[in-house]
Amino acid sequence: PVKPAPRSICLLRLSALGDAVHALALVRDLQR
């Protein structure tokens, strides 16, 4: 079964700079 779209999302990634850049790619996927 297809899961319903979330109504709110929290992402926890504190560090580091490079990993924040990697996580940003995920954020862009979520926004799409």
Full PDB file with SEQRES, HELIX, SHEET, SSBOND, CRYST1, ORIGX, SCALE, CONECT and MASTER records, all heavy atoms in Angstrom:
SEQRES   1 A   32  PRO VAL LYS PRO ALA PRO ARG SER ILE CYS LEU LEU ARG          
SEQRES   2 A   32  LEU SER ALA LEU GLY ASP ALA VAL HIS ALA LEU ALA LEU          
SEQRES   3 A   32  VAL ARG ASP LEU GLN ARG                                      
HELIX    1 AA1 LEU A   17  GLN A   31  1                                  15    
CRYST1    1.000    1.000    1.000  90.00  90.00  90.00 P 1           1          
ORIGX1      1.000000  0.000000  0.000000        0.00000                         
ORIGX2      0.000000  1.000000  0.000000        0.00000                         
ORIGX3      0.000000  0.000000  1.000000        0.00000                         
SCALE1      1.000000  0.000000  0.000000        0.00000                         
SCALE2      0.000000  1.000000  0.000000        0.00000                         
SCALE3      0.000000  0.000000  1.000000        0.00000                         
ATOM      1  N   PRO A   1       0.822  -1.218   0.000  1.00  0.00           N  
ATOM      2  CA  PRO A   1       0.000   0.000   0.000  1.00  0.00           C  
ATOM      3  C   PRO A   1       0.849   1.258   0.000  1.00  0.00           C  
ATOM      4  O   PRO A   1       1.920   1.299   0.599  1.00  0.00           O  
ATOM      5  CB  PRO A   1      -0.792  -0.131   1.304  1.00  0.00           C  
ATOM      6  CG  PRO A   1       0.027  -1.039   2.169  1.00  0.00           C  
ATOM      7  CD  PRO A   1       0.684  -2.005   1.239  1.00  0.00           C  
ATOM      8  N   VAL A   2       0.350   2.278  -0.674  1.00  0.00           N  
ATOM      9  CA  VAL A   2       1.054   3.547  -0.731  1.00  0.00           C  
ATOM     10  C   VAL A   2       0.811   4.302   0.572  1.00  0.00           C  
ATOM     11  O   VAL A   2      -0.338   4.448   1.018  1.00  0.00           O  
ATOM     12  CB  VAL A   2       0.576   4.389  -1.932  1.00  0.00           C  
ATOM     13  CG1 VAL A   2       1.263   5.741  -1.931  1.00  0.00           C  
ATOM     14  CG2 VAL A   2       0.839   3.648  -3.233  1.00  0.00           C  
ATOM     15  N   LYS A   3       1.872   4.753   1.206  1.00  0.00           N  
ATOM     16  CA  LYS A   3       1.736   5.484   2.452  1.00  0.00           C  
ATOM     17  C   LYS A   3       1.328   6.923   2.158  1.00  0.00           C  
ATOM     18  O   LYS A   3       1.778   7.516   1.177  1.00  0.00           O  
ATOM     19  CB  LYS A   3       3.042   5.440   3.238  1.00  0.00           C  
ATOM     20  CG  LYS A   3       3.410   4.041   3.720  1.00  0.00           C  
ATOM     21  CD  LYS A   3       4.665   4.048   4.570  1.00  0.00           C  
ATOM     22  CE  LYS A   3       4.976   2.647   5.075  1.00  0.00           C  
ATOM     23  NZ  LYS A   3       6.200   2.593   5.904  1.00  0.00           N  
ATOM     24  N   PRO A   4       0.461   7.491   2.997  1.00  0.00           N  
ATOM     25  CA  PRO A   4       0.056   8.887   2.765  1.00  0.00           C  
ATOM     26  C   PRO A   4       1.238   9.835   2.921  1.00  0.00           C  
ATOM     27  O   PRO A   4       2.179   9.569   3.671  1.00  0.00           O  
ATOM     28  CB  PRO A   4      -0.990   9.124   3.855  1.00  0.00           C  
ATOM     29  CG  PRO A   4      -0.679   8.121   4.926  1.00  0.00           C  
ATOM     30  CD  PRO A   4      -0.144   6.917   4.211  1.00  0.00           C  
ATOM     31  N   ALA A   5       1.177  10.944   2.195  1.00  0.00           N  
ATOM     32  CA  ALA A   5       2.250  11.935   2.283  1.00  0.00           C  
ATOM     33  C   ALA A   5       2.295  12.524   3.684  1.00  0.00           C  
ATOM     34  O   ALA A   5       1.254  12.775   4.301  1.00  0.00           O  
ATOM     35  CB  ALA A   5       2.014  13.046   1.261  1.00  0.00           C  
ATOM     36  N   PRO A   6       3.485  12.752   4.207  1.00  0.00           N  
ATOM     37  CA  PRO A   6       3.584  13.367   5.536  1.00  0.00           C  
ATOM     38  C   PRO A   6       3.101  14.808   5.494  1.00  0.00           C  
ATOM     39  O   PRO A   6       3.229  15.503   4.494  1.00  0.00           O  
ATOM     40  CB  PRO A   6       5.083  13.297   5.840  1.00  0.00           C  
ATOM     41  CG  PRO A   6       5.747  13.227   4.504  1.00  0.00           C  
ATOM     42  CD  PRO A   6       4.804  12.466   3.628  1.00  0.00           C  
ATOM     43  N   ARG A   7       2.549  15.242   6.606  1.00  0.00           N  
ATOM     44  CA  ARG A   7       2.093  16.638   6.707  1.00  0.00           C  
ATOM     45  C   ARG A   7       3.176  17.549   7.269  1.00  0.00           C  
ATOM     46  O   ARG A   7       3.081  18.773   7.158  1.00  0.00           O  
ATOM     47  CB  ARG A   7       0.840  16.706   7.579  1.00  0.00           C  
ATOM     48  CG  ARG A   7      -0.382  16.055   6.947  1.00  0.00           C  
ATOM     49  CD  ARG A   7      -1.503  15.925   7.948  1.00  0.00           C  
ATOM     50  NE  ARG A   7      -1.131  15.025   9.047  1.00  0.00           N  
ATOM     51  CZ  ARG A   7      -1.903  14.755  10.092  1.00  0.00           C  
ATOM     52  NH1 ARG A   7      -3.096  15.321  10.187  1.00  0.00           N  
ATOM     53  NH2 ARG A   7      -1.490  13.935  11.035  1.00  0.00           N  
ATOM     54  N   SER A   8       4.195  16.952   7.900  1.00  0.00           N  
ATOM     55  CA  SER A   8       5.326  17.721   8.418  1.00  0.00           C  
ATOM     56  C   SER A   8       6.514  16.782   8.559  1.00  0.00           C  
ATOM     57  O   SER A   8       6.355  15.596   8.878  1.00  0.00           O  
ATOM     58  CB  SER A   8       4.986  18.355   9.775  1.00  0.00           C  
ATOM     59  OG  SER A   8       4.630  17.356  10.724  1.00  0.00           O  
ATOM     60  N   ILE A   9       7.709  17.325   8.326  1.00  0.00           N  
ATOM     61  CA  ILE A   9       8.930  16.526   8.351  1.00  0.00           C  
ATOM     62  C   ILE A   9       9.975  17.252   9.181  1.00  0.00           C  
ATOM     63  O   ILE A   9      10.190  18.460   9.005  1.00  0.00           O  
ATOM     64  CB  ILE A   9       9.483  16.296   6.929  1.00  0.00           C  
ATOM     65  CG1 ILE A   9       8.465  15.555   6.059  1.00  0.00           C  
ATOM     66  CG2 ILE A   9      10.806  15.528   6.964  1.00  0.00           C  
ATOM     67  CD1 ILE A   9       8.848  15.501   4.584  1.00  0.00           C  
ATOM     68  N   CYS A  10      10.631  16.518  10.065  1.00  0.00           N  
ATOM     69  CA  CYS A  10      11.778  17.049  10.792  1.00  0.00           C  
ATOM     70  C   CYS A  10      13.002  16.219  10.418  1.00  0.00           C  
ATOM     71  O   CYS A  10      12.946  14.976  10.398  1.00  0.00           O  
ATOM     72  CB  CYS A  10      11.547  16.997  12.295  1.00  0.00           C  
ATOM     73  SG  CYS A  10      12.889  17.731  13.271  1.00  0.00           S  
ATOM     74  N   LEU A  11      14.067  16.896  10.127  1.00  0.00           N  
ATOM     75  CA  LEU A  11      15.332  16.251   9.766  1.00  0.00           C  
ATOM     76  C   LEU A  11      16.345  16.593  10.848  1.00  0.00           C  
ATOM     77  O   LEU A  11      16.486  17.759  11.209  1.00  0.00           O  
ATOM     78  CB  LEU A  11      15.770  16.752   8.395  1.00  0.00           C  
ATOM     79  CG  LEU A  11      17.001  16.166   7.715  1.00  0.00           C  
ATOM     80  CD1 LEU A  11      16.876  16.360   6.208  1.00  0.00           C  
ATOM     81  CD2 LEU A  11      18.284  16.843   8.185  1.00  0.00           C  
ATOM     82  N   LEU A  12      17.034  15.581  11.367  1.00  0.00           N  
ATOM     83  CA  LEU A  12      18.081  15.810  12.362  1.00  0.00           C  
ATOM     84  C   LEU A  12      19.422  15.422  11.757  1.00  0.00           C  
ATOM     85  O   LEU A  12      19.702  14.253  11.514  1.00  0.00           O  
ATOM     86  CB  LEU A  12      17.821  14.979  13.614  1.00  0.00           C  
ATOM     87  CG  LEU A  12      18.912  14.991  14.691  1.00  0.00           C  
ATOM     88  CD1 LEU A  12      19.076  16.392  15.280  1.00  0.00           C  
ATOM     89  CD2 LEU A  12      18.615  13.994  15.795  1.00  0.00           C  
ATOM     90  N   ARG A  13      20.234  16.438  11.470  1.00  0.00           N  
ATOM     91  CA  ARG A  13      21.622  16.247  11.041  1.00  0.00           C  
ATOM     92  C   ARG A  13      22.379  17.462  11.519  1.00  0.00           C  
ATOM     93  O   ARG A  13      22.207  18.566  10.987  1.00  0.00           O  
ATOM     94  CB  ARG A  13      21.741  16.081   9.524  1.00  0.00           C  
ATOM     95  CG  ARG A  13      23.176  15.854   9.053  1.00  0.00           C  
ATOM     96  CD  ARG A  13      23.706  14.483   9.402  1.00  0.00           C  
ATOM     97  NE  ARG A  13      25.158  14.453   9.546  1.00  0.00           N  
ATOM     98  CZ  ARG A  13      25.882  13.348   9.639  1.00  0.00           C  
ATOM     99  NH1 ARG A  13      25.290  12.172   9.595  1.00  0.00           N  
ATOM    100  NH2 ARG A  13      27.174  13.399   9.797  1.00  0.00           N  
ATOM    101  N   LEU A  14      23.197  17.270  12.528  1.00  0.00           N  
ATOM    102  CA  LEU A  14      23.861  18.395  13.173  1.00  0.00           C  
ATOM    103  C   LEU A  14      25.148  18.807  12.477  1.00  0.00           C  
ATOM    104  O   LEU A  14      25.487  19.987  12.432  1.00  0.00           O  
ATOM    105  CB  LEU A  14      24.155  18.046  14.629  1.00  0.00           C  
ATOM    106  CG  LEU A  14      22.948  17.617  15.475  1.00  0.00           C  
ATOM    107  CD1 LEU A  14      23.405  17.232  16.881  1.00  0.00           C  
ATOM    108  CD2 LEU A  14      21.911  18.725  15.532  1.00  0.00           C  
ATOM    109  N   SER A  15      25.915  17.853  11.999  1.00  0.00           N  
ATOM    110  CA  SER A  15      27.237  18.146  11.444  1.00  0.00           C  
ATOM    111  C   SER A  15      27.560  17.093  10.406  1.00  0.00           C  
ATOM    112  O   SER A  15      26.899  16.058  10.314  1.00  0.00           O  
ATOM    113  CB  SER A  15      28.288  18.145  12.571  1.00  0.00           C  
ATOM    114  OG  SER A  15      28.301  16.874  13.216  1.00  0.00           O  
ATOM    115  N   ALA A  16      28.567  17.307   9.599  1.00  0.00           N  
ATOM    116  CA  ALA A  16      29.449  18.474   9.515  1.00  0.00           C  
ATOM    117  C   ALA A  16      29.108  19.200   8.228  1.00  0.00           C  
ATOM    118  O   ALA A  16      28.110  18.883   7.574  1.00  0.00           O  
ATOM    119  CB  ALA A  16      30.905  18.020   9.523  1.00  0.00           C  
ATOM    120  N   LEU A  17      29.956  20.171   7.820  1.00  0.00           N  
ATOM    121  CA  LEU A  17      29.616  20.974   6.647  1.00  0.00           C  
ATOM    122  C   LEU A  17      29.379  20.117   5.408  1.00  0.00           C  
ATOM    123  O   LEU A  17      28.406  20.311   4.674  1.00  0.00           O  
ATOM    124  CB  LEU A  17      30.719  21.996   6.373  1.00  0.00           C  
ATOM    125  CG  LEU A  17      30.896  23.107   7.402  1.00  0.00           C  
ATOM    126  CD1 LEU A  17      32.117  23.959   7.065  1.00  0.00           C  
ATOM    127  CD2 LEU A  17      29.653  23.985   7.481  1.00  0.00           C  
ATOM    128  N   GLY A  18      30.282  19.168   5.165  1.00  0.00           N  
ATOM    129  CA  GLY A  18      30.127  18.330   3.988  1.00  0.00           C  
ATOM    130  C   GLY A  18      28.867  17.491   4.039  1.00  0.00           C  
ATOM    131  O   GLY A  18      28.147  17.340   3.036  1.00  0.00           O  
ATOM    132  N   ASP A  19      28.560  16.960   5.219  1.00  0.00           N  
ATOM    133  CA  ASP A  19      27.359  16.146   5.346  1.00  0.00           C  
ATOM    134  C   ASP A  19      26.098  16.989   5.267  1.00  0.00           C  
ATOM    135  O   ASP A  19      25.046  16.512   4.827  1.00  0.00           O  
ATOM    136  CB  ASP A  19      27.404  15.365   6.659  1.00  0.00           C  
ATOM    137  CG  ASP A  19      28.400  14.213   6.604  1.00  0.00           C  
ATOM    138  OD1 ASP A  19      28.658  13.705   5.503  1.00  0.00           O  
ATOM    139  OD2 ASP A  19      28.932  13.837   7.660  1.00  0.00           O  
ATOM    140  N   ALA A  20      26.176  18.242   5.677  1.00  0.00           N  
ATOM    141  CA  ALA A  20      25.034  19.143   5.498  1.00  0.00           C  
ATOM    142  C   ALA A  20      24.758  19.343   4.006  1.00  0.00           C  
ATOM    143  O   ALA A  20      23.602  19.405   3.583  1.00  0.00           O  
ATOM    144  CB  ALA A  20      25.298  20.480   6.180  1.00  0.00           C  
ATOM    145  N   VAL A  21      25.807  19.424   3.215  1.00  0.00           N  
ATOM    146  CA  VAL A  21      25.638  19.551   1.763  1.00  0.00           C  
ATOM    147  C   VAL A  21      24.993  18.281   1.209  1.00  0.00           C  
ATOM    148  O   VAL A  21      24.099  18.342   0.352  1.00  0.00           O  
ATOM    149  CB  VAL A  21      26.988  19.832   1.089  1.00  0.00           C  
ATOM    150  CG1 VAL A  21      26.856  19.790  -0.430  1.00  0.00           C  
ATOM    151  CG2 VAL A  21      27.530  21.191   1.527  1.00  0.00           C  
ATOM    152  N   HIS A  22      25.445  17.119   1.680  1.00  0.00           N  
ATOM    153  CA  HIS A  22      24.832  15.869   1.238  1.00  0.00           C  
ATOM    154  C   HIS A  22      23.358  15.816   1.633  1.00  0.00           C  
ATOM    155  O   HIS A  22      22.498  15.389   0.847  1.00  0.00           O  
ATOM    156  CB  HIS A  22      25.565  14.676   1.860  1.00  0.00           C  
ATOM    157  CG  HIS A  22      26.973  14.526   1.385  1.00  0.00           C  
ATOM    158  ND1 HIS A  22      28.000  14.125   2.208  1.00  0.00           N  
ATOM    159  CD2 HIS A  22      27.530  14.713   0.174  1.00  0.00           C  
ATOM    160  CE1 HIS A  22      29.126  14.084   1.523  1.00  0.00           C  
ATOM    161  NE2 HIS A  22      28.862  14.440   0.289  1.00  0.00           N  
ATOM    162  N   ALA A  23      23.057  16.232   2.863  1.00  0.00           N  
ATOM    163  CA  ALA A  23      21.678  16.195   3.328  1.00  0.00           C  
ATOM    164  C   ALA A  23      20.800  17.174   2.550  1.00  0.00           C  
ATOM    165  O   ALA A  23      19.596  16.942   2.383  1.00  0.00           O  
ATOM    166  CB  ALA A  23      21.619  16.505   4.823  1.00  0.00           C  
ATOM    167  N   LEU A  24      21.387  18.261   2.067  1.00  0.00           N  
ATOM    168  CA  LEU A  24      20.622  19.223   1.271  1.00  0.00           C  
ATOM    169  C   LEU A  24      20.052  18.565   0.022  1.00  0.00           C  
ATOM    170  O   LEU A  24      18.920  18.873  -0.391  1.00  0.00           O  
ATOM    171  CB  LEU A  24      21.507  20.415   0.893  1.00  0.00           C  
ATOM    172  CG  LEU A  24      20.874  21.463  -0.021  1.00  0.00           C  
ATOM    173  CD1 LEU A  24      19.594  22.033   0.570  1.00  0.00           C  
ATOM    174  CD2 LEU A  24      21.871  22.579  -0.321  1.00  0.00           C  
ATOM    175  N   ALA A  25      20.801  17.643  -0.581  1.00  0.00           N  
ATOM    176  CA  ALA A  25      20.277  16.939  -1.757  1.00  0.00           C  
ATOM    177  C   ALA A  25      19.013  16.158  -1.399  1.00  0.00           C  
ATOM    178  O   ALA A  25      18.059  16.087  -2.186  1.00  0.00           O  
ATOM    179  CB  ALA A  25      21.347  16.009  -2.326  1.00  0.00           C  
ATOM    180  N   LEU A  26      18.992  15.573  -0.207  1.00  0.00           N  
ATOM    181  CA  LEU A  26      17.798  14.879   0.263  1.00  0.00           C  
ATOM    182  C   LEU A  26      16.643  15.865   0.449  1.00  0.00           C  
ATOM    183  O   LEU A  26      15.498  15.569   0.076  1.00  0.00           O  
ATOM    184  CB  LEU A  26      18.102  14.166   1.573  1.00  0.00           C  
ATOM    185  CG  LEU A  26      16.903  13.610   2.332  1.00  0.00           C  
ATOM    186  CD1 LEU A  26      16.374  12.366   1.647  1.00  0.00           C  
ATOM    187  CD2 LEU A  26      17.261  13.309   3.780  1.00  0.00           C  
ATOM    188  N   VAL A  27      16.941  17.022   1.013  1.00  0.00           N  
ATOM    189  CA  VAL A  27      15.901  18.028   1.213  1.00  0.00           C  
ATOM    190  C   VAL A  27      15.279  18.424  -0.120  1.00  0.00           C  
ATOM    191  O   VAL A  27      14.046  18.555  -0.233  1.00  0.00           O  
ATOM    192  CB  VAL A  27      16.476  19.260   1.938  1.00  0.00           C  
ATOM    193  CG1 VAL A  27      15.505  20.438   1.894  1.00  0.00           C  
ATOM    194  CG2 VAL A  27      16.817  18.905   3.381  1.00  0.00           C  
ATOM    195  N   ARG A  28      16.104  18.582  -1.135  1.00  0.00           N  
ATOM    196  CA  ARG A  28      15.558  18.945  -2.451  1.00  0.00           C  
ATOM    197  C   ARG A  28      14.657  17.839  -2.996  1.00  0.00           C  
ATOM    198  O   ARG A  28      13.634  18.107  -3.651  1.00  0.00           O  
ATOM    199  CB  ARG A  28      16.698  19.253  -3.423  1.00  0.00           C  
ATOM    200  CG  ARG A  28      17.532  20.482  -3.047  1.00  0.00           C  
ATOM    201  CD  ARG A  28      16.694  21.711  -2.848  1.00  0.00           C  
ATOM    202  NE  ARG A  28      17.503  22.926  -2.701  1.00  0.00           N  
ATOM    203  CZ  ARG A  28      17.025  24.083  -2.262  1.00  0.00           C  
ATOM    204  NH1 ARG A  28      15.757  24.200  -1.911  1.00  0.00           N  
ATOM    205  NH2 ARG A  28      17.817  25.141  -2.156  1.00  0.00           N  
ATOM    206  N   ASP A  29      15.020  16.574  -2.744  1.00  0.00           N  
ATOM    207  CA  ASP A  29      14.146  15.468  -3.136  1.00  0.00           C  
ATOM    208  C   ASP A  29      12.809  15.550  -2.414  1.00  0.00           C  
ATOM    209  O   ASP A  29      11.744  15.333  -3.010  1.00  0.00           O  
ATOM    210  CB  ASP A  29      14.816  14.128  -2.803  1.00  0.00           C  
ATOM    211  CG  ASP A  29      15.823  13.685  -3.847  1.00  0.00           C  
ATOM    212  OD1 ASP A  29      15.498  13.706  -5.040  1.00  0.00           O  
ATOM    213  OD2 ASP A  29      16.942  13.310  -3.464  1.00  0.00           O  
ATOM    214  N   LEU A  30      12.856  15.839  -1.111  1.00  0.00           N  
ATOM    215  CA  LEU A  30      11.625  15.944  -0.337  1.00  0.00           C  
ATOM    216  C   LEU A  30      10.748  17.084  -0.843  1.00  0.00           C  
ATOM    217  O   LEU A  30       9.518  16.954  -0.921  1.00  0.00           O  
ATOM    218  CB  LEU A  30      11.961  16.163   1.142  1.00  0.00           C  
ATOM    219  CG  LEU A  30      12.634  14.994   1.872  1.00  0.00           C  
ATOM    220  CD1 LEU A  30      13.103  15.440   3.256  1.00  0.00           C  
ATOM    221  CD2 LEU A  30      11.695  13.807   1.982  1.00  0.00           C  
ATOM    222  N   GLN A  31      11.372  18.197  -1.195  1.00  0.00           N  
ATOM    223  CA  GLN A  31      10.598  19.337  -1.686  1.00  0.00           C  
ATOM    224  C   GLN A  31       9.940  19.032  -3.024  1.00  0.00           C  
ATOM    225  O   GLN A  31       8.822  19.494  -3.289  1.00  0.00           O  
ATOM    226  CB  GLN A  31      11.496  20.565  -1.792  1.00  0.00           C  
ATOM    227  CG  GLN A  31      11.913  21.126  -0.426  1.00  0.00           C  
ATOM    228  CD  GLN A  31      12.875  22.287  -0.535  1.00  0.00           C  
ATOM    229  OE1 GLN A  31      13.734  22.310  -1.413  1.00  0.00           O  
ATOM    230  NE2 GLN A  31      12.751  23.255   0.364  1.00  0.00           N  
ATOM    231  N   ARG A  32      10.630  18.258  -3.866  1.00  0.00           N  
ATOM    232  CA  ARG A  32      10.017  17.858  -5.142  1.00  0.00           C  
ATOM    233  C   ARG A  32       8.855  16.903  -4.918  1.00  0.00           C  
ATOM    234  O   ARG A  32       7.820  16.993  -5.585  1.00  0.00           O  
ATOM    235  CB  ARG A  32      11.053  17.207  -6.054  1.00  0.00           C  
ATOM    236  CG  ARG A  32      12.040  18.158  -6.697  1.00  0.00           C  
ATOM    237  CD  ARG A  32      12.744  17.499  -7.876  1.00  0.00           C  
ATOM    238  NE  ARG A  32      13.519  16.324  -7.453  1.00  0.00           N  
ATOM    239  CZ  ARG A  32      14.815  16.349  -7.159  1.00  0.00           C  
ATOM    240  NH1 ARG A  32      15.482  17.496  -7.225  1.00  0.00           N  
ATOM    241  NH2 ARG A  32      15.441  15.254  -6.800  1.00  0.00           N  
TER     242      ARG A  32                                                      
MASTER        0    0    0    1    0    0    0    6  241    1    0    3          
END                                                                             
